[in-house]
Amino acid sequence: MDPSMMEDVARQLKDNPELARMLMEEQKKMEAQMQLKTIVNKLSSECWDKCVDRVGTSLGRQETCLANCAERYLDVDQFIRQRMSSSRK
C-alpha cells in the first residue's frame, strides 16, 4: 500500500469512529483465531509425540491417551491465562 493510500485510510478512520471500532473488533477476532490455531497445533504435536508410538488400523489405548493429553493441555492453558489475567489487576 502506497503512502497516499495509507493517509486516505487514516483520514477515513479518523472521520468515522464506528468504522475504526469495527476494524478493531475484527482485528481482535483474527488475533483470537490465530491464538486458537497456535494452541491446537501445539496440542496436536505434543500429544501425538507423547501418545502415539506406532500407527496401525486403529489407535486403541493411544486414543484415550490423546484425549487425556488434550484435556490436560487445555486445562493448563486455561489455568495459566486466568493467573495471568488476575495478576494484571
N, C-alpha and C. Protein backbone atom coordinates (compact mmCIF):
# COMPACT_ATOMS: atom_id res chain seq x y z
N MET A 1 0.85 -1.17 0.00
CA MET A 1 0.00 0.00 0.00
C MET A 1 0.90 1.23 0.00
N ASP A 2 0.62 2.13 -0.92
CA ASP A 2 1.46 3.32 -1.00
C ASP A 2 1.06 4.35 0.08
N PRO A 3 1.95 5.29 0.37
CA PRO A 3 1.71 6.25 1.47
C PRO A 3 0.43 7.06 1.31
N SER A 4 0.06 7.44 0.08
CA SER A 4 -1.15 8.23 -0.10
C SER A 4 -2.40 7.42 0.25
N MET A 5 -2.37 6.13 -0.04
CA MET A 5 -3.50 5.27 0.34
C MET A 5 -3.58 5.13 1.85
N MET A 6 -2.42 5.01 2.49
CA MET A 6 -2.39 4.91 3.95
C MET A 6 -2.96 6.18 4.58
N GLU A 7 -2.61 7.33 4.03
CA GLU A 7 -3.13 8.60 4.54
C GLU A 7 -4.64 8.67 4.37
N ASP A 8 -5.14 8.18 3.24
CA ASP A 8 -6.57 8.17 2.98
C ASP A 8 -7.30 7.26 3.98
N VAL A 9 -6.75 6.10 4.22
CA VAL A 9 -7.34 5.17 5.19
C VAL A 9 -7.34 5.80 6.58
N ALA A 10 -6.23 6.40 6.97
CA ALA A 10 -6.13 7.04 8.28
C ALA A 10 -7.17 8.16 8.41
N ARG A 11 -7.36 8.92 7.36
CA ARG A 11 -8.33 10.02 7.38
C ARG A 11 -9.75 9.46 7.52
N GLN A 12 -10.04 8.38 6.79
CA GLN A 12 -11.37 7.77 6.88
C GLN A 12 -11.64 7.21 8.27
N LEU A 13 -10.63 6.61 8.87
CA LEU A 13 -10.79 6.08 10.23
C LEU A 13 -11.00 7.20 11.23
N LYS A 14 -10.28 8.30 11.03
CA LYS A 14 -10.43 9.45 11.94
C LYS A 14 -11.82 10.05 11.82
N ASP A 15 -12.34 10.11 10.59
CA ASP A 15 -13.65 10.70 10.34
C ASP A 15 -14.81 9.76 10.68
N ASN A 16 -14.52 8.47 10.82
CA ASN A 16 -15.59 7.50 11.07
C ASN A 16 -15.21 6.59 12.23
N PRO A 17 -15.49 7.00 13.46
CA PRO A 17 -15.11 6.19 14.62
C PRO A 17 -15.79 4.82 14.65
N GLU A 18 -16.98 4.70 14.07
CA GLU A 18 -17.67 3.40 14.02
C GLU A 18 -16.88 2.42 13.16
N LEU A 19 -16.36 2.89 12.05
CA LEU A 19 -15.53 2.05 11.18
C LEU A 19 -14.27 1.62 11.91
N ALA A 20 -13.66 2.55 12.62
CA ALA A 20 -12.46 2.23 13.40
C ALA A 20 -12.76 1.17 14.45
N ARG A 21 -13.91 1.31 15.13
CA ARG A 21 -14.30 0.33 16.15
C ARG A 21 -14.51 -1.05 15.52
N MET A 22 -15.19 -1.09 14.38
CA MET A 22 -15.42 -2.37 13.70
C MET A 22 -14.11 -3.02 13.28
N LEU A 23 -13.18 -2.23 12.78
CA LEU A 23 -11.88 -2.77 12.38
C LEU A 23 -11.12 -3.33 13.58
N MET A 24 -11.21 -2.64 14.71
CA MET A 24 -10.55 -3.12 15.93
C MET A 24 -11.15 -4.44 16.39
N GLU A 25 -12.48 -4.55 16.31
CA GLU A 25 -13.14 -5.80 16.68
C GLU A 25 -12.70 -6.94 15.78
N GLU A 26 -12.63 -6.68 14.49
CA GLU A 26 -12.18 -7.71 13.55
C GLU A 26 -10.74 -8.12 13.82
N GLN A 27 -9.91 -7.15 14.15
CA GLN A 27 -8.51 -7.44 14.47
C GLN A 27 -8.43 -8.34 15.70
N LYS A 28 -9.24 -8.06 16.71
CA LYS A 28 -9.26 -8.89 17.92
C LYS A 28 -9.72 -10.30 17.60
N LYS A 29 -10.73 -10.44 16.74
CA LYS A 29 -11.22 -11.76 16.34
C LYS A 29 -10.12 -12.54 15.63
N MET A 30 -9.41 -11.86 14.72
CA MET A 30 -8.34 -12.52 13.98
C MET A 30 -7.22 -12.97 14.93
N GLU A 31 -6.88 -12.13 15.89
CA GLU A 31 -5.85 -12.50 16.87
C GLU A 31 -6.29 -13.69 17.69
N ALA A 32 -7.56 -13.73 18.11
CA ALA A 32 -8.07 -14.86 18.88
C ALA A 32 -8.03 -16.14 18.05
N GLN A 33 -8.37 -16.04 16.77
CA GLN A 33 -8.31 -17.21 15.89
C GLN A 33 -6.88 -17.72 15.74
N MET A 34 -5.95 -16.79 15.60
CA MET A 34 -4.54 -17.19 15.48
C MET A 34 -4.05 -17.86 16.76
N GLN A 35 -4.45 -17.34 17.91
CA GLN A 35 -4.07 -17.95 19.18
C GLN A 35 -4.64 -19.36 19.28
N LEU A 36 -5.89 -19.52 18.88
CA LEU A 36 -6.53 -20.84 18.92
C LEU A 36 -5.81 -21.81 17.99
N LYS A 37 -5.48 -21.37 16.79
CA LYS A 37 -4.75 -22.23 15.86
C LYS A 37 -3.40 -22.64 16.43
N THR A 38 -2.72 -21.70 17.07
CA THR A 38 -1.42 -21.99 17.67
C THR A 38 -1.57 -23.03 18.77
N ILE A 39 -2.57 -22.88 19.62
CA ILE A 39 -2.81 -23.83 20.71
C ILE A 39 -3.12 -25.21 20.14
N VAL A 40 -4.01 -25.27 19.15
CA VAL A 40 -4.39 -26.56 18.57
C VAL A 40 -3.18 -27.24 17.92
N ASN A 41 -2.38 -26.49 17.20
CA ASN A 41 -1.20 -27.07 16.55
C ASN A 41 -0.21 -27.60 17.58
N LYS A 42 0.03 -26.83 18.63
CA LYS A 42 0.97 -27.26 19.67
C LYS A 42 0.43 -28.47 20.41
N LEU A 43 -0.86 -28.42 20.75
CA LEU A 43 -1.50 -29.53 21.44
C LEU A 43 -1.40 -30.80 20.59
N SER A 44 -1.74 -30.69 19.33
CA SER A 44 -1.70 -31.86 18.44
C SER A 44 -0.30 -32.44 18.36
N SER A 45 0.68 -31.61 18.19
CA SER A 45 2.06 -32.07 18.06
C SER A 45 2.56 -32.73 19.34
N GLU A 46 2.37 -32.05 20.46
CA GLU A 46 2.89 -32.58 21.72
C GLU A 46 2.17 -33.86 22.14
N CYS A 47 0.85 -33.87 22.02
CA CYS A 47 0.11 -35.07 22.42
C CYS A 47 0.38 -36.24 21.49
N TRP A 48 0.53 -35.96 20.21
CA TRP A 48 0.84 -37.03 19.26
C TRP A 48 2.19 -37.65 19.61
N ASP A 49 3.19 -36.79 19.84
CA ASP A 49 4.52 -37.29 20.18
C ASP A 49 4.51 -38.10 21.48
N LYS A 50 3.70 -37.68 22.43
CA LYS A 50 3.64 -38.34 23.73
C LYS A 50 2.89 -39.67 23.65
N CYS A 51 1.81 -39.73 22.88
CA CYS A 51 0.88 -40.85 22.96
C CYS A 51 1.01 -41.89 21.84
N VAL A 52 1.45 -41.49 20.69
CA VAL A 52 1.42 -42.40 19.54
C VAL A 52 2.83 -42.89 19.23
N ASP A 53 3.02 -44.19 19.45
CA ASP A 53 4.33 -44.77 19.16
C ASP A 53 4.34 -45.49 17.81
N ARG A 54 3.15 -45.89 17.37
CA ARG A 54 3.04 -46.52 16.05
C ARG A 54 1.63 -46.31 15.53
N VAL A 55 1.47 -46.31 14.22
CA VAL A 55 0.17 -46.12 13.61
C VAL A 55 -0.24 -47.43 12.96
N GLY A 56 -1.40 -47.90 13.35
CA GLY A 56 -1.94 -49.13 12.77
C GLY A 56 -3.33 -48.85 12.22
N THR A 57 -4.16 -49.88 12.26
CA THR A 57 -5.52 -49.71 11.75
C THR A 57 -6.41 -48.95 12.73
N SER A 58 -6.04 -48.95 14.01
CA SER A 58 -6.78 -48.16 15.00
C SER A 58 -5.80 -47.67 16.06
N LEU A 59 -6.22 -46.67 16.81
CA LEU A 59 -5.34 -46.11 17.83
C LEU A 59 -5.46 -46.84 19.17
N GLY A 60 -6.60 -47.46 19.45
CA GLY A 60 -6.77 -48.20 20.69
C GLY A 60 -6.53 -47.34 21.91
N ARG A 61 -5.65 -47.79 22.80
CA ARG A 61 -5.35 -47.05 24.03
C ARG A 61 -4.73 -45.69 23.74
N GLN A 62 -4.08 -45.59 22.60
CA GLN A 62 -3.47 -44.31 22.23
C GLN A 62 -4.52 -43.22 22.08
N GLU A 63 -5.73 -43.59 21.66
CA GLU A 63 -6.80 -42.61 21.52
C GLU A 63 -7.18 -42.04 22.88
N THR A 64 -7.23 -42.87 23.89
CA THR A 64 -7.52 -42.41 25.26
C THR A 64 -6.41 -41.48 25.73
N CYS A 65 -5.18 -41.85 25.47
CA CYS A 65 -4.04 -41.01 25.84
C CYS A 65 -4.14 -39.65 25.16
N LEU A 66 -4.47 -39.63 23.87
CA LEU A 66 -4.60 -38.37 23.14
C LEU A 66 -5.69 -37.49 23.75
N ALA A 67 -6.84 -38.09 24.08
CA ALA A 67 -7.94 -37.33 24.67
C ALA A 67 -7.53 -36.77 26.03
N ASN A 68 -6.91 -37.59 26.86
CA ASN A 68 -6.48 -37.13 28.19
C ASN A 68 -5.42 -36.03 28.07
N CYS A 69 -4.49 -36.21 27.17
CA CYS A 69 -3.43 -35.22 26.96
C CYS A 69 -4.03 -33.89 26.53
N ALA A 70 -4.96 -33.94 25.59
CA ALA A 70 -5.60 -32.72 25.10
C ALA A 70 -6.36 -32.01 26.22
N GLU A 71 -7.09 -32.78 27.03
CA GLU A 71 -7.83 -32.19 28.14
C GLU A 71 -6.89 -31.53 29.14
N ARG A 72 -5.80 -32.21 29.49
CA ARG A 72 -4.84 -31.64 30.45
C ARG A 72 -4.18 -30.39 29.87
N TYR A 73 -3.86 -30.43 28.60
CA TYR A 73 -3.22 -29.29 27.95
C TYR A 73 -4.14 -28.08 28.01
N LEU A 74 -5.41 -28.28 27.67
CA LEU A 74 -6.36 -27.17 27.69
C LEU A 74 -6.61 -26.67 29.11
N ASP A 75 -6.66 -27.59 30.08
CA ASP A 75 -6.81 -27.19 31.49
C ASP A 75 -5.66 -26.30 31.93
N VAL A 76 -4.45 -26.70 31.60
CA VAL A 76 -3.27 -25.93 31.98
C VAL A 76 -3.26 -24.58 31.27
N ASP A 77 -3.61 -24.57 29.99
CA ASP A 77 -3.65 -23.32 29.25
C ASP A 77 -4.65 -22.35 29.88
N GLN A 78 -5.83 -22.84 30.23
CA GLN A 78 -6.84 -22.01 30.87
C GLN A 78 -6.36 -21.50 32.23
N PHE A 79 -5.73 -22.38 33.00
CA PHE A 79 -5.20 -22.01 34.31
C PHE A 79 -4.18 -20.88 34.19
N ILE A 80 -3.27 -21.01 33.24
CA ILE A 80 -2.23 -20.01 33.03
C ILE A 80 -2.86 -18.68 32.61
N ARG A 81 -3.82 -18.72 31.70
CA ARG A 81 -4.47 -17.49 31.25
C ARG A 81 -5.20 -16.79 32.40
N GLN A 82 -5.87 -17.58 33.25
CA GLN A 82 -6.56 -16.99 34.40
C GLN A 82 -5.58 -16.36 35.36
N ARG A 83 -4.47 -17.03 35.61
CA ARG A 83 -3.46 -16.48 36.51
C ARG A 83 -2.87 -15.20 35.95
N MET A 84 -2.59 -15.20 34.65
CA MET A 84 -2.01 -14.02 34.04
C MET A 84 -2.99 -12.83 34.09
N SER A 85 -4.27 -13.10 33.82
CA SER A 85 -5.24 -12.01 33.84
C SER A 85 -5.49 -11.50 35.26
N SER A 86 -5.43 -12.38 36.26
CA SER A 86 -5.65 -11.93 37.64
C SER A 86 -4.42 -11.18 38.17
N SER A 87 -3.25 -11.50 37.67
CA SER A 87 -2.05 -10.80 38.13
C SER A 87 -1.96 -9.40 37.53
N ARG A 88 -2.66 -9.15 36.42
CA ARG A 88 -2.66 -7.83 35.79
C ARG A 88 -3.54 -6.85 36.53
N LYS A 89 -4.48 -7.36 37.31
CA LYS A 89 -5.45 -6.49 38.00
C LYS A 89 -4.88 -5.89 39.24
